[in-house]
């Protein structure tokens, strides 16, 4: 019985660690403010419109390459967990 209790305790600790890591990764991912979507680029003028509530187009911000890379890294870590 003590072996079972130790394994159960270890499993609970591992689960807690995984949940904490998941929460941290999710927090980091949300802090990036980037959804992973690429904005559309007009081939004529290079502007990047985005649709807001299916009503109007507005200028989209260019996404920093470092943010894209970090987004992909965090997403990969979340998939591994």
PDB file of N, CA and C in Angstrom:
ATOM      1  N   UNK A   1       0.800  -1.196   0.000  1.00  0.00           N
ATOM      2  CA  UNK A   1       0.000   0.000   0.000  1.00  0.00           C
ATOM      3  C   UNK A   1       0.852   1.274   0.000  1.00  0.00           C
ATOM      4  N   UNK A   2       1.977   1.331   0.710  1.00  0.00           N
ATOM      5  CA  UNK A   2       2.793   2.549   0.684  1.00  0.00           C
ATOM      6  C   UNK A   2       3.289   2.885  -0.733  1.00  0.00           C
ATOM      7  N   UNK A   3       3.595   1.867  -1.542  1.00  0.00           N
ATOM      8  CA  UNK A   3       4.051   2.105  -2.917  1.00  0.00           C
ATOM      9  C   UNK A   3       2.944   2.796  -3.721  1.00  0.00           C
ATOM     10  N   UNK A   4       1.723   2.330  -3.543  1.00  0.00           N
ATOM     11  CA  UNK A   4       0.574   2.929  -4.226  1.00  0.00           C
ATOM     12  C   UNK A   4       0.408   4.392  -3.815  1.00  0.00           C
ATOM     13  N   UNK A   5       0.515   4.658  -2.523  1.00  0.00           N
ATOM     14  CA  UNK A   5       0.365   6.024  -2.022  1.00  0.00           C
ATOM     15  C   UNK A   5       1.461   6.935  -2.565  1.00  0.00           C
ATOM     16  N   UNK A   6       2.680   6.419  -2.667  1.00  0.00           N
ATOM     17  CA  UNK A   6       3.779   7.209  -3.220  1.00  0.00           C
ATOM     18  C   UNK A   6       3.523   7.514  -4.696  1.00  0.00           C
ATOM     19  N   UNK A   7       3.092   6.511  -5.451  1.00  0.00           N
ATOM     20  CA  UNK A   7       2.810   6.716  -6.871  1.00  0.00           C
ATOM     21  C   UNK A   7       1.669   7.716  -7.061  1.00  0.00           C
ATOM     22  N   UNK A   8       0.665   7.616  -6.209  1.00  0.00           N
ATOM     23  CA  UNK A   8      -0.455   8.548  -6.272  1.00  0.00           C
ATOM     24  C   UNK A   8       0.010   9.967  -5.955  1.00  0.00           C
ATOM     25  N   UNK A   9       0.825  10.108  -4.934  1.00  0.00           N
ATOM     26  CA  UNK A   9       1.362  11.412  -4.554  1.00  0.00           C
ATOM     27  C   UNK A   9       2.219  11.992  -5.680  1.00  0.00           C
ATOM     28  N   UNK A  10       3.063  11.153  -6.283  1.00  0.00           N
ATOM     29  CA  UNK A  10       3.902  11.599  -7.401  1.00  0.00           C
ATOM     30  C   UNK A  10       3.048  12.036  -8.589  1.00  0.00           C
ATOM     31  N   UNK A  11       1.995  11.276  -8.874  1.00  0.00           N
ATOM     32  CA  UNK A  11       1.113  11.612  -9.993  1.00  0.00           C
ATOM     33  C   UNK A  11       0.403  12.940  -9.744  1.00  0.00           C
ATOM     34  N   UNK A  12      -0.036  13.155  -8.507  1.00  0.00           N
ATOM     35  CA  UNK A  12      -0.700  14.415  -8.167  1.00  0.00           C
ATOM     36  C   UNK A  12       0.264  15.590  -8.308  1.00  0.00           C
ATOM     37  N   UNK A  13       1.502  15.403  -7.863  1.00  0.00           N
ATOM     38  CA  UNK A  13       2.506  16.460  -7.975  1.00  0.00           C
ATOM     39  C   UNK A  13       2.808  16.757  -9.444  1.00  0.00           C
ATOM     40  N   UNK A  14       2.902  15.717 -10.248  1.00  0.00           N
ATOM     41  CA  UNK A  14       3.169  15.892 -11.677  1.00  0.00           C
ATOM     42  C   UNK A  14       2.004  16.616 -12.355  1.00  0.00           C
ATOM     43  N   UNK A  15       0.791  16.261 -11.984  1.00  0.00           N
ATOM     44  CA  UNK A  15      -0.387  16.931 -12.530  1.00  0.00           C
ATOM     45  C   UNK A  15      -0.394  18.406 -12.142  1.00  0.00           C
ATOM     46  N   UNK A  16      -0.076  18.702 -10.901  1.00  0.00           N
ATOM     47  CA  UNK A  16      -0.041  20.091 -10.442  1.00  0.00           C
ATOM     48  C   UNK A  16       1.005  20.884 -11.216  1.00  0.00           C
ATOM     49  N   UNK A  17       2.169  20.286 -11.432  1.00  0.00           N
ATOM     50  CA  UNK A  17       3.227  20.947 -12.197  1.00  0.00           C
ATOM     51  C   UNK A  17       2.766  21.211 -13.625  1.00  0.00           C
ATOM     52  N   UNK A  18       2.125  20.225 -14.240  1.00  0.00           N
ATOM     53  CA  UNK A  18       1.639  20.376 -15.613  1.00  0.00           C
ATOM     54  C   UNK A  18       0.563  21.457 -15.700  1.00  0.00           C
ATOM     55  N   UNK A  19      -0.333  21.494 -14.730  1.00  0.00           N
ATOM     56  CA  UNK A  19      -1.383  22.515 -14.727  1.00  0.00           C
ATOM     57  C   UNK A  19      -0.796  23.908 -14.564  1.00  0.00           C
ATOM     58  N   UNK A  20       0.205  24.037 -13.714  1.00  0.00           N
ATOM     59  CA  UNK A  20       0.869  25.327 -13.517  1.00  0.00           C
ATOM     60  C   UNK A  20       1.578  25.760 -14.793  1.00  0.00           C
ATOM     61  N   UNK A  21       2.294  24.838 -15.424  1.00  0.00           N
ATOM     62  CA  UNK A  21       3.003  25.132 -16.672  1.00  0.00           C
ATOM     63  C   UNK A  21       2.009  25.541 -17.758  1.00  0.00           C
ATOM     64  N   UNK A  22       0.898  24.812 -17.849  1.00  0.00           N
ATOM     65  CA  UNK A  22      -0.135  25.130 -18.836  1.00  0.00           C
ATOM     66  C   UNK A  22      -0.692  26.536 -18.599  1.00  0.00           C
ATOM     67  N   UNK A  23      -0.974  26.861 -17.349  1.00  0.00           N
ATOM     68  CA  UNK A  23      -1.503  28.186 -17.020  1.00  0.00           C
ATOM     69  C   UNK A  23      -0.493  29.273 -17.379  1.00  0.00           C
ATOM     70  N   UNK A  24       0.785  29.035 -17.091  1.00  0.00           N
ATOM     71  CA  UNK A  24       1.827  30.011 -17.422  1.00  0.00           C
ATOM     72  C   UNK A  24       1.951  30.203 -18.930  1.00  0.00           C
ATOM     73  N   UNK A  25       1.950  29.096 -19.681  1.00  0.00           N
ATOM     74  CA  UNK A  25       2.057  29.182 -21.138  1.00  0.00           C
ATOM     75  C   UNK A  25       0.846  29.896 -21.737  1.00  0.00           C
ATOM     76  N   UNK A  26      -0.331  29.588 -21.230  1.00  0.00           N
ATOM     77  CA  UNK A  26      -1.544  30.232 -21.719  1.00  0.00           C
ATOM     78  C   UNK A  26      -1.511  31.726 -21.429  1.00  0.00           C
ATOM     79  N   UNK A  27      -1.038  32.093 -20.242  1.00  0.00           N
ATOM     80  CA  UNK A  27      -0.920  33.509 -19.875  1.00  0.00           C
ATOM     81  C   UNK A  27       0.054  34.217 -20.817  1.00  0.00           C
ATOM     82  N   UNK A  28       1.212  33.592 -21.071  1.00  0.00           N
ATOM     83  CA  UNK A  28       2.194  34.177 -21.986  1.00  0.00           C
ATOM     84  C   UNK A  28       1.614  34.323 -23.390  1.00  0.00           C
ATOM     85  N   UNK A  29       0.893  33.317 -23.833  1.00  0.00           N
ATOM     86  CA  UNK A  29       0.296  33.335 -25.165  1.00  0.00           C
ATOM     87  C   UNK A  29      -0.724  34.462 -25.282  1.00  0.00           C
ATOM     88  N   UNK A  30      -1.564  34.616 -24.277  1.00  0.00           N
ATOM     89  CA  UNK A  30      -2.569  35.681 -24.291  1.00  0.00           C
ATOM     90  C   UNK A  30      -1.935  37.062 -24.206  1.00  0.00           C
ATOM     91  N   UNK A  31      -0.805  37.164 -23.513  1.00  0.00           N
ATOM     92  CA  UNK A  31      -0.126  38.453 -23.359  1.00  0.00           C
ATOM     93  C   UNK A  31       0.459  38.951 -24.675  1.00  0.00           C
ATOM     94  N   UNK A  32       0.703  38.039 -25.612  1.00  0.00           N
ATOM     95  CA  UNK A  32       1.249  38.455 -26.901  1.00  0.00           C
ATOM     96  C   UNK A  32       0.265  39.318 -27.685  1.00  0.00           C
ATOM     97  N   UNK A  33      -1.023  39.089 -27.473  1.00  0.00           N
ATOM     98  CA  UNK A  33      -2.020  39.854 -28.213  1.00  0.00           C
ATOM     99  C   UNK A  33      -2.025  39.526 -29.691  1.00  0.00           C
ATOM    100  N   UNK A  34      -1.707  38.310 -30.035  1.00  0.00           N
ATOM    101  CA  UNK A  34      -1.616  37.879 -31.430  1.00  0.00           C
ATOM    102  C   UNK A  34      -2.351  36.561 -31.563  1.00  0.00           C
ATOM    103  N   UNK A  35      -3.242  36.471 -32.540  1.00  0.00           N
ATOM    104  CA  UNK A  35      -4.069  35.273 -32.691  1.00  0.00           C
ATOM    105  C   UNK A  35      -3.467  34.235 -33.621  1.00  0.00           C
ATOM    106  N   UNK A  36      -2.380  34.567 -34.288  1.00  0.00           N
ATOM    107  CA  UNK A  36      -1.790  33.632 -35.236  1.00  0.00           C
ATOM    108  C   UNK A  36      -2.270  33.870 -36.650  1.00  0.00           C
ATOM    109  N   UNK A  37      -3.237  34.756 -36.813  1.00  0.00           N
ATOM    110  CA  UNK A  37      -3.757  35.066 -38.143  1.00  0.00           C
ATOM    111  C   UNK A  37      -2.878  36.104 -38.821  1.00  0.00           C
ATOM    112  N   UNK A  38      -2.667  35.909 -40.094  1.00  0.00           N
ATOM    113  CA  UNK A  38      -1.919  36.874 -40.881  1.00  0.00           C
ATOM    114  C   UNK A  38      -2.901  37.889 -41.455  1.00  0.00           C
ATOM    115  N   UNK A  39      -2.593  39.185 -41.366  1.00  0.00           N
ATOM    116  CA  UNK A  39      -3.492  40.168 -41.979  1.00  0.00           C
ATOM    117  C   UNK A  39      -3.417  40.080 -43.502  1.00  0.00           C
ATOM    118  N   UNK A  40      -4.508  40.422 -44.162  1.00  0.00           N
ATOM    119  CA  UNK A  40      -4.519  40.473 -45.618  1.00  0.00           C
ATOM    120  C   UNK A  40      -3.709  41.674 -46.067  1.00  0.00           C
ATOM    121  N   UNK A  41      -3.048  41.545 -47.195  1.00  0.00           N
ATOM    122  CA  UNK A  41      -2.259  42.649 -47.728  1.00  0.00           C
ATOM    123  C   UNK A  41      -2.766  42.958 -49.131  1.00  0.00           C
ATOM    124  N   UNK A  42      -3.111  44.212 -49.373  1.00  0.00           N
ATOM    125  CA  UNK A  42      -3.565  44.640 -50.687  1.00  0.00           C
ATOM    126  C   UNK A  42      -2.390  44.572 -51.654  1.00  0.00           C
ATOM    127  N   UNK A  43      -2.532  43.859 -52.781  1.00  0.00           N
ATOM    128  CA  UNK A  43      -1.417  43.748 -53.726  1.00  0.00           C
ATOM    129  C   UNK A  43      -1.087  45.070 -54.410  1.00  0.00           C
ATOM    130  N   UNK A  44      -2.043  46.009 -54.456  1.00  0.00           N
ATOM    131  CA  UNK A  44      -1.812  47.283 -55.133  1.00  0.00           C
ATOM    132  C   UNK A  44      -1.104  48.309 -54.262  1.00  0.00           C
ATOM    133  N   UNK A  45      -1.600  48.473 -53.028  1.00  0.00           N
ATOM    134  CA  UNK A  45      -1.042  49.545 -52.189  1.00  0.00           C
ATOM    135  C   UNK A  45      -0.283  49.039 -50.967  1.00  0.00           C
ATOM    136  N   UNK A  46      -0.393  47.741 -50.657  1.00  0.00           N
ATOM    137  CA  UNK A  46       0.329  47.194 -49.513  1.00  0.00           C
ATOM    138  C   UNK A  46      -0.361  47.400 -48.178  1.00  0.00           C
ATOM    139  N   UNK A  47      -1.560  48.020 -48.185  1.00  0.00           N
ATOM    140  CA  UNK A  47      -2.251  48.220 -46.908  1.00  0.00           C
ATOM    141  C   UNK A  47      -2.806  46.897 -46.406  1.00  0.00           C
ATOM    142  N   UNK A  48      -3.047  46.836 -45.105  1.00  0.00           N
ATOM    143  CA  UNK A  48      -3.522  45.609 -44.475  1.00  0.00           C
ATOM    144  C   UNK A  48      -4.865  45.874 -43.806  1.00  0.00           C
ATOM    145  N   UNK A  49      -5.972  45.683 -44.523  1.00  0.00           N
ATOM    146  CA  UNK A  49      -7.280  45.901 -43.920  1.00  0.00           C
ATOM    147  C   UNK A  49      -7.689  44.732 -43.033  1.00  0.00           C
ATOM    148  N   UNK A  50      -8.529  45.001 -42.069  1.00  0.00           N
ATOM    149  CA  UNK A  50      -9.094  43.918 -41.269  1.00  0.00           C
ATOM    150  C   UNK A  50     -10.575  44.211 -41.049  1.00  0.00           C
ATOM    151  N   UNK A  51     -11.372  43.170 -40.975  1.00  0.00           N
ATOM    152  CA  UNK A  51     -12.813  43.302 -40.840  1.00  0.00           C
ATOM    153  C   UNK A  51     -13.189  43.436 -39.370  1.00  0.00           C
ATOM    154  N   UNK A  52     -14.021  44.407 -39.067  1.00  0.00           N
ATOM    155  CA  UNK A  52     -14.488  44.603 -37.696  1.00  0.00           C
ATOM    156  C   UNK A  52     -16.000  44.421 -37.683  1.00  0.00           C
ATOM    157  N   UNK A  53     -16.459  43.429 -36.960  1.00  0.00           N
ATOM    158  CA  UNK A  53     -17.893  43.151 -36.811  1.00  0.00           C
ATOM    159  C   UNK A  53     -18.614  43.091 -38.150  1.00  0.00           C
ATOM    160  N   UNK A  54     -17.935  42.635 -39.194  1.00  0.00           N
ATOM    161  CA  UNK A  54     -18.527  42.484 -40.530  1.00  0.00           C
ATOM    162  C   UNK A  54     -19.148  43.779 -41.048  1.00  0.00           C
ATOM    163  N   UNK A  55     -18.682  44.908 -40.549  1.00  0.00           N
ATOM    164  CA  UNK A  55     -19.288  46.174 -40.957  1.00  0.00           C
ATOM    165  C   UNK A  55     -18.326  47.090 -41.702  1.00  0.00           C
ATOM    166  N   UNK A  56     -17.099  47.182 -41.230  1.00  0.00           N
ATOM    167  CA  UNK A  56     -16.188  48.117 -41.879  1.00  0.00           C
ATOM    168  C   UNK A  56     -14.764  47.576 -41.851  1.00  0.00           C
ATOM    169  N   UNK A  57     -13.978  48.085 -42.777  1.00  0.00           N
ATOM    170  CA  UNK A  57     -12.570  47.714 -42.836  1.00  0.00           C
ATOM    171  C   UNK A  57     -11.752  48.800 -42.164  1.00  0.00           C
ATOM    172  N   UNK A  58     -10.716  48.391 -41.494  1.00  0.00           N
ATOM    173  CA  UNK A  58      -9.819  49.347 -40.863  1.00  0.00           C
ATOM    174  C   UNK A  58      -8.388  48.871 -41.088  1.00  0.00           C
ATOM    175  N   UNK A  59      -7.440  49.748 -40.892  1.00  0.00           N
ATOM    176  CA  UNK A  59      -6.037  49.396 -41.097  1.00  0.00           C
ATOM    177  C   UNK A  59      -5.569  48.443 -40.002  1.00  0.00           C
ATOM    178  N   UNK A  60      -5.026  47.308 -40.399  1.00  0.00           N
ATOM    179  CA  UNK A  60      -4.502  46.344 -39.430  1.00  0.00           C
ATOM    180  C   UNK A  60      -3.058  46.685 -39.100  1.00  0.00           C
ATOM    181  N   UNK A  61      -2.659  46.367 -37.891  1.00  0.00           N
ATOM    182  CA  UNK A  61      -1.273  46.595 -37.495  1.00  0.00           C
ATOM    183  C   UNK A  61      -0.396  45.475 -38.025  1.00  0.00           C
ATOM    184  N   UNK A  62       0.808  45.827 -38.403  1.00  0.00           N
ATOM    185  CA  UNK A  62       1.769  44.816 -38.820  1.00  0.00           C
ATOM    186  C   UNK A  62       2.235  44.066 -37.581  1.00  0.00           C
ATOM    187  N   UNK A  63       2.316  42.759 -37.694  1.00  0.00           N
ATOM    188  CA  UNK A  63       2.707  41.933 -36.554  1.00  0.00           C
ATOM    189  C   UNK A  63       4.223  41.766 -36.551  1.00  0.00           C
ATOM    190  N   UNK A  64       4.826  42.023 -35.409  1.00  0.00           N
ATOM    191  CA  UNK A  64       6.266  41.870 -35.228  1.00  0.00           C
ATOM    192  C   UNK A  64       6.648  40.399 -35.397  1.00  0.00           C
ATOM    193  N   UNK A  65       7.695  40.140 -36.153  1.00  0.00           N
ATOM    194  CA  UNK A  65       8.142  38.761 -36.395  1.00  0.00           C
ATOM    195  C   UNK A  65       8.497  38.039 -35.097  1.00  0.00           C
ATOM    196  N   UNK A  66       9.033  38.761 -34.110  1.00  0.00           N
ATOM    197  CA  UNK A  66       9.371  38.127 -32.829  1.00  0.00           C
ATOM    198  C   UNK A  66       8.118  37.626 -32.121  1.00  0.00           C
ATOM    199  N   UNK A  67       7.028  38.396 -32.243  1.00  0.00           N
ATOM    200  CA  UNK A  67       5.770  37.972 -31.627  1.00  0.00           C
ATOM    201  C   UNK A  67       5.254  36.715 -32.319  1.00  0.00           C
ATOM    202  N   UNK A  68       5.348  36.672 -33.651  1.00  0.00           N
ATOM    203  CA  UNK A  68       4.918  35.476 -34.382  1.00  0.00           C
ATOM    204  C   UNK A  68       5.718  34.255 -33.937  1.00  0.00           C
ATOM    205  N   UNK A  69       7.038  34.423 -33.842  1.00  0.00           N
ATOM    206  CA  UNK A  69       7.897  33.306 -33.441  1.00  0.00           C
ATOM    207  C   UNK A  69       7.563  32.832 -32.032  1.00  0.00           C
ATOM    208  N   UNK A  70       7.373  33.768 -31.107  1.00  0.00           N
ATOM    209  CA  UNK A  70       7.044  33.400 -29.723  1.00  0.00           C
ATOM    210  C   UNK A  70       5.680  32.709 -29.663  1.00  0.00           C
ATOM    211  N   UNK A  71       4.733  33.196 -30.465  1.00  0.00           N
ATOM    212  CA  UNK A  71       3.407  32.582 -30.538  1.00  0.00           C
ATOM    213  C   UNK A  71       3.532  31.120 -30.969  1.00  0.00           C
ATOM    214  N   UNK A  72       4.334  30.875 -31.992  1.00  0.00           N
ATOM    215  CA  UNK A  72       4.524  29.508 -32.476  1.00  0.00           C
ATOM    216  C   UNK A  72       5.225  28.640 -31.432  1.00  0.00           C
ATOM    217  N   UNK A  73       6.217  29.206 -30.735  1.00  0.00           N
ATOM    218  CA  UNK A  73       6.920  28.455 -29.686  1.00  0.00           C
ATOM    219  C   UNK A  73       5.964  28.062 -28.558  1.00  0.00           C
ATOM    220  N   UNK A  74       5.175  29.031 -28.098  1.00  0.00           N
ATOM    221  CA  UNK A  74       4.231  28.749 -27.012  1.00  0.00           C
ATOM    222  C   UNK A  74       3.177  27.741 -27.452  1.00  0.00           C
ATOM    223  N   UNK A  75       2.703  27.881 -28.680  1.00  0.00           N
ATOM    224  CA  UNK A  75       1.729  26.925 -29.197  1.00  0.00           C
ATOM    225  C   UNK A  75       2.293  25.521 -29.253  1.00  0.00           C
ATOM    226  N   UNK A  76       3.558  25.405 -29.669  1.00  0.00           N
ATOM    227  CA  UNK A  76       4.196  24.089 -29.729  1.00  0.00           C
ATOM    228  C   UNK A  76       4.349  23.500 -28.329  1.00  0.00           C
ATOM    229  N   UNK A  77       4.727  24.332 -27.360  1.00  0.00           N
ATOM    230  CA  UNK A  77       4.862  23.843 -25.983  1.00  0.00           C
ATOM    231  C   UNK A  77       3.522  23.385 -25.427  1.00  0.00           C
ATOM    232  N   UNK A  78       2.462  24.132 -25.739  1.00  0.00           N
ATOM    233  CA  UNK A  78       1.135  23.749 -25.252  1.00  0.00           C
ATOM    234  C   UNK A  78       0.685  22.420 -25.859  1.00  0.00           C
ATOM    235  N   UNK A  79       1.027  22.178 -27.118  1.00  0.00           N
ATOM    236  CA  UNK A  79       0.651  20.920 -27.769  1.00  0.00           C
ATOM    237  C   UNK A  79       1.394  19.742 -27.169  1.00  0.00           C
ATOM    238  N   UNK A  80       2.625  19.978 -26.711  1.00  0.00           N
ATOM    239  CA  UNK A  80       3.425  18.898 -26.132  1.00  0.00           C
ATOM    240  C   UNK A  80       2.912  18.486 -24.769  1.00  0.00           C
ATOM    241  N   UNK A  81       2.269  19.366 -24.059  1.00  0.00           N
ATOM    242  CA  UNK A  81       1.846  19.092 -22.682  1.00  0.00           C
ATOM    243  C   UNK A  81       0.600  18.282 -22.640  1.00  0.00           C
TER     244      UNK A  81
END
